[in-house]
Protein backbone atom coordinates (compact mmCIF):
# COMPACT_ATOMS: atom_id res chain seq x y z
CA MET A 1 29.81 48.01 132.34
CA LYS A 2 33.28 49.08 131.29
CA LEU A 3 35.74 50.93 133.51
CA GLY A 4 37.51 54.02 132.22
CA VAL A 5 39.90 56.49 133.77
CA SER A 6 40.53 60.16 133.00
CA THR A 7 44.03 61.40 132.27
CA LEU A 8 43.24 64.31 134.60
CA GLY A 9 44.60 62.03 137.30
CA CYS A 10 48.01 61.41 135.73
CA PRO A 11 49.22 64.75 134.32
CA ASP A 12 52.90 63.74 134.46
CA TRP A 13 52.59 60.42 132.63
CA THR A 14 53.63 59.91 129.03
CA LEU A 15 51.29 58.34 126.51
CA GLU A 16 53.14 55.05 126.87
CA GLN A 17 52.82 55.12 130.66
CA ILE A 18 49.11 55.91 130.47
CA LEU A 19 48.42 52.97 128.19
CA SER A 20 50.55 50.39 129.96
CA ARG A 21 49.67 51.31 133.54
CA CYS A 22 45.94 51.82 133.08
CA LYS A 23 45.66 48.46 131.34
CA ALA A 24 47.65 46.82 134.15
CA TYR A 25 45.38 48.41 136.76
CA GLY A 26 42.31 46.83 135.18
CA TYR A 27 40.76 49.64 133.12
CA ASP A 28 39.11 49.13 129.76
CA GLY A 29 39.39 52.64 128.39
CA ILE A 30 40.97 56.07 128.62
CA GLU A 31 39.00 59.28 128.93
CA TRP A 32 41.26 61.97 127.56
CA ARG A 33 41.61 65.15 129.61
CA GLY A 34 44.88 66.42 128.28
CA LEU A 35 48.23 64.79 127.75
CA GLY A 36 51.26 66.16 129.54
CA PRO A 37 51.23 69.96 129.31
CA ASP A 38 48.47 70.05 126.68
CA LEU A 39 44.96 70.37 128.09
CA ASP A 40 43.57 71.06 124.63
CA LEU A 41 44.12 67.64 123.12
CA THR A 42 43.94 69.03 119.59
CA GLN A 43 47.24 70.83 120.32
CA SER A 44 49.07 67.75 121.60
CA PRO A 45 51.70 66.29 119.24
CA ALA A 46 50.09 62.88 119.72
CA PHE A 47 46.81 64.16 118.25
CA ALA A 48 47.70 67.21 116.16
CA THR A 49 47.82 65.64 112.68
CA PRO A 50 45.95 62.82 110.92
CA LYS A 51 49.13 60.68 110.93
CA ALA A 52 49.69 61.30 114.63
CA ILE A 53 46.08 60.48 115.44
CA ALA A 54 46.30 57.24 113.45
CA ARG A 55 49.50 56.23 115.31
CA THR A 56 47.97 57.04 118.68
CA ARG A 57 44.77 55.20 117.84
CA ARG A 58 46.79 52.10 116.92
CA ALA A 59 48.78 52.35 120.14
CA ILE A 60 45.58 52.51 122.18
CA ALA A 61 44.16 49.48 120.41
CA ASP A 62 47.43 47.56 120.69
CA ALA A 63 47.34 48.15 124.44
CA GLY A 64 43.90 46.51 124.58
CA LEU A 65 42.16 49.76 125.47
CA GLU A 66 39.54 52.08 124.01
CA SER A 67 39.18 55.84 123.93
CA CYS A 68 35.97 56.37 125.89
CA GLY A 69 35.72 60.13 125.54
CA ILE A 70 37.48 63.48 125.29
CA ASP A 71 36.90 66.09 128.00
CA THR A 72 37.10 69.80 127.24
CA SER A 73 37.08 73.04 129.21
CA VAL A 74 34.25 74.35 127.02
CA ARG A 75 31.71 76.42 128.98
CA LEU A 76 28.59 77.06 126.97
CA ALA A 77 26.91 79.70 129.14
CA ASP A 78 29.60 82.35 128.57
CA GLU A 79 27.87 85.70 128.09
CA ASP A 80 30.81 87.27 126.25
CA ASP A 81 30.13 86.69 122.55
CA ALA A 82 33.81 86.38 121.56
CA ALA A 83 34.54 83.89 124.34
CA TRP A 84 31.33 81.99 123.54
CA GLN A 85 32.41 81.65 119.91
CA GLU A 86 35.88 80.44 120.99
CA ASN A 87 34.22 77.80 123.15
CA LEU A 88 32.09 76.62 120.24
CA GLU A 89 35.14 76.43 117.96
CA LEU A 90 37.08 74.39 120.54
CA ALA A 91 34.13 72.05 120.88
CA GLN A 92 33.95 71.63 117.11
CA ARG A 93 37.68 70.87 116.82
CA THR A 94 37.37 68.33 119.58
CA ILE A 95 34.35 66.67 117.97
CA GLU A 96 36.37 66.23 114.79
CA LEU A 97 39.27 64.75 116.77
CA ALA A 98 36.93 62.39 118.64
CA ASP A 99 35.57 61.16 115.33
CA GLU A 100 39.06 60.42 114.02
CA LEU A 101 40.13 58.81 117.29
CA GLY A 102 37.02 56.68 117.64
CA ALA A 103 36.01 58.31 120.93
CA PRO A 104 32.24 58.28 121.45
CA HIS A 105 31.81 61.39 123.62
CA VAL A 106 32.97 64.99 123.94
CA ARG A 107 32.37 66.46 127.40
CA VAL A 108 31.31 70.10 127.80
CA PHE A 109 30.32 72.25 130.78
CA GLY A 110 27.42 74.60 131.10
CA GLY A 111 29.55 77.02 133.08
CA ASP A 112 28.12 79.90 135.08
CA GLY A 113 25.34 81.59 133.18
CA GLN A 114 21.87 81.22 131.75
CA ALA A 115 20.39 77.91 130.60
CA ALA A 116 19.11 79.57 127.43
CA ARG A 117 22.68 80.23 126.33
CA VAL A 118 23.61 76.59 126.93
CA VAL A 119 20.57 75.36 125.01
CA GLU A 120 21.46 77.60 122.07
CA ALA A 121 25.06 76.37 122.02
CA LEU A 122 24.08 72.71 122.26
CA ARG A 123 21.65 73.08 119.38
CA LEU A 124 24.41 74.58 117.23
CA LEU A 125 26.87 71.85 118.25
CA SER A 126 24.32 69.10 117.64
CA ASP A 127 23.86 70.36 114.08
CA PHE A 128 27.63 70.45 113.62
CA THR A 129 28.05 66.97 115.09
CA THR A 130 25.35 65.51 112.86
CA LEU A 131 27.07 66.90 109.75
CA ALA A 132 30.73 66.53 110.70
CA SER A 133 31.10 63.30 112.65
CA GLY A 134 30.11 59.68 112.72
CA ASP A 135 28.67 58.70 116.09
CA VAL A 136 30.15 61.33 118.43
CA LEU A 137 27.84 62.56 121.19
CA ILE A 138 28.09 65.80 123.14
CA VAL A 139 27.69 65.17 126.88
CA LEU A 140 26.85 67.97 129.32
CA GLU A 141 28.31 67.30 132.76
CA THR A 142 26.58 67.92 136.08
CA HIS A 143 29.01 70.70 136.99
CA ASP A 144 29.28 74.44 137.74
CA ALA A 145 25.89 76.21 137.64
CA PHE A 146 24.41 73.00 136.21
CA SER A 147 25.56 70.65 138.96
CA THR A 148 22.23 68.98 139.65
CA GLY A 149 20.30 66.47 137.62
CA ALA A 150 17.33 68.83 137.67
CA GLN A 151 19.35 71.57 135.96
CA VAL A 152 20.93 69.30 133.36
CA GLY A 153 17.65 67.48 132.76
CA ASP A 154 15.93 70.78 132.02
CA VAL A 155 18.58 71.55 129.38
CA MET A 156 18.25 68.06 127.87
CA ARG A 157 14.50 68.39 127.48
CA ARG A 158 14.81 71.84 125.91
CA VAL A 159 17.45 70.69 123.40
CA GLU A 160 15.88 67.26 122.78
CA HIS A 161 18.45 66.03 120.27
CA PRO A 162 19.79 62.46 120.02
CA ARG A 163 23.40 63.71 119.81
CA VAL A 164 23.13 65.67 123.07
CA ARG A 165 23.26 63.67 126.28
CA ALA A 166 24.26 63.94 129.96
CA LEU A 167 27.37 63.06 131.90
CA TRP A 168 26.44 62.19 135.48
CA ASP A 169 29.34 63.19 137.70
CA LEU A 170 28.21 61.20 140.73
CA HIS A 171 29.89 63.62 143.14
CA HIS A 172 28.48 67.03 142.26
CA PRO A 173 24.67 66.57 142.43
CA TYR A 174 24.98 64.82 145.79
CA ARG A 175 27.11 67.61 147.22
CA HIS A 176 24.50 70.08 145.96
CA GLY A 177 21.78 68.38 148.01
CA GLU A 178 20.20 66.12 145.40
CA THR A 179 19.60 62.49 146.33
CA PRO A 180 20.82 59.81 143.91
CA GLU A 181 17.20 58.89 143.17
CA GLN A 182 16.33 62.50 142.33
CA THR A 183 19.32 62.78 140.00
CA TRP A 184 18.47 59.55 138.23
CA GLN A 185 14.84 60.53 137.82
CA ALA A 186 15.92 63.83 136.27
CA ILE A 187 18.55 62.59 133.81
CA GLY A 188 18.37 58.80 133.73
CA PRO A 189 17.15 58.56 130.11
CA TYR A 190 19.93 60.91 129.00
CA VAL A 191 22.95 59.53 130.86
CA GLN A 192 25.62 58.44 128.41
CA GLN A 193 28.73 58.69 130.59
CA THR A 194 29.62 58.82 134.30
CA HIS A 195 32.39 60.20 136.50
CA VAL A 196 33.20 58.57 139.82
CA LYS A 197 35.01 60.12 142.76
CA ASP A 198 34.49 59.81 146.50
CA SER A 199 34.94 62.59 149.07
CA VAL A 200 34.60 63.33 152.76
CA PRO A 201 32.16 65.96 154.08
CA GLY A 202 33.44 69.30 152.90
CA GLY A 203 34.30 67.92 149.49
CA THR A 204 37.91 66.73 149.86
CA TYR A 205 38.45 63.82 147.49
CA CYS A 206 39.55 60.47 148.88
CA LEU A 207 39.97 56.84 147.92
CA LEU A 208 36.80 54.96 147.10
CA GLY A 209 34.91 53.88 150.22
CA GLU A 210 36.72 56.30 152.53
CA GLY A 211 34.19 59.10 151.96
CA ASP A 212 30.43 59.46 152.23
CA ILE A 213 29.37 59.66 148.58
CA PRO A 214 26.97 56.68 148.13
CA ILE A 215 28.74 55.39 145.04
CA LYS A 216 27.47 51.84 145.33
CA GLU A 217 23.88 53.06 145.67
CA MET A 218 24.37 55.22 142.57
CA LEU A 219 25.84 52.31 140.62
CA GLY A 220 22.81 50.27 141.68
CA LEU A 221 20.52 52.86 140.10
CA LEU A 222 22.55 52.65 136.90
CA VAL A 223 22.46 48.85 136.85
CA ARG A 224 18.72 48.63 137.53
CA GLY A 225 18.09 51.37 134.99
CA GLY A 226 19.77 49.34 132.25
CA TYR A 227 22.90 51.48 131.96
CA ARG A 228 25.68 49.38 130.46
CA ARG A 229 28.13 52.07 129.39
CA TRP A 230 31.28 53.58 130.87
CA VAL A 231 31.98 54.13 134.55
CA ASN A 232 35.02 56.41 134.67
CA LEU A 233 37.29 57.53 137.48
CA GLU A 234 37.96 61.26 137.42
CA TRP A 235 40.81 61.82 139.88
CA GLU A 236 41.59 65.55 139.91
CA LYS A 237 45.34 65.28 140.47
CA ARG A 238 46.11 67.92 137.82
CA TRP A 239 44.12 70.52 139.78
CA ILE A 240 44.89 69.23 143.29
CA PRO A 241 48.53 68.02 143.47
CA ALA A 242 48.13 66.95 147.11
CA LEU A 243 45.79 64.12 146.13
CA ALA A 244 47.12 60.57 146.23
CA ASP A 245 49.32 59.69 143.28
CA PRO A 246 47.70 57.82 140.38
CA GLU A 247 49.81 54.76 141.21
CA VAL A 248 47.75 54.57 144.42
CA ALA A 249 44.32 55.92 143.41
CA PHE A 250 43.91 54.29 140.00
CA PRO A 251 44.26 50.64 141.08
CA GLN A 252 42.29 51.20 144.30
CA TYR A 253 39.31 52.65 142.45
CA ALA A 254 39.42 49.94 139.78
CA ARG A 255 39.45 47.13 142.35
CA THR A 256 36.64 48.64 144.42
CA LEU A 257 34.46 49.52 141.44
CA ARG A 258 34.74 45.99 140.08
CA GLN A 259 33.83 44.62 143.52
CA TYR A 260 30.77 46.89 143.70
CA LEU A 261 29.64 45.99 140.19
CA ALA A 262 30.07 42.26 140.86
CA GLU A 263 27.90 42.56 143.97
CA LEU A 264 25.26 44.52 142.02
CA ALA A 265 25.15 42.20 139.03
CA PRO A 266 21.57 41.06 138.28
């Protein structure tokens, strides 16, 4: 498996700092969740024009890294038609950017609403993705009203499209009372990307191994299930400034994840 890290954890770093430090810490790829003040990556100067995207893509490659996904704030269950359309348009812009950048995934949320609305949106986006991009996949995260594998798995089966897959955030289903085995049974065939973060009871995030999320057990399910894709740290420093700085959390997670994966290797 390859290790990635989300830029959600380093909101104050420049592009150059992201590339140099994440490579030094032992990561293989960057999962883009904003850059500096720009959460919508399509509005960032580093990604706003074809020339800028080409320069940034070269810089990523020159650093020995890959773009392993772009995360959005898109929430597909929005019941307000105008807001729902805005979400679809943001998703479409991001899919086009991912294609140009060579990023394989665009993350979306279900949000808080009805599954039927999410299914409808994913069907529309899958049609757009098939026509507009190369190999970009849309990944629905276990999050919000769709935090369990059972909920996301239900959506996957109703959409049933090869461009629509699941992002298993290892934290959320467990905190919602689902065992790792239950989550894997529900979405295992659909998992295309993962998010890793540990926490103590009550949900406060912590360094890997200091909480009670059974991350190693979850990684074991992935390994035995044949998953060989990205395992990505999502450290929510942008939303929770009191969390440990990325200079502390990023290398600690990388070291511990590599130790776990080495011990789980078949």
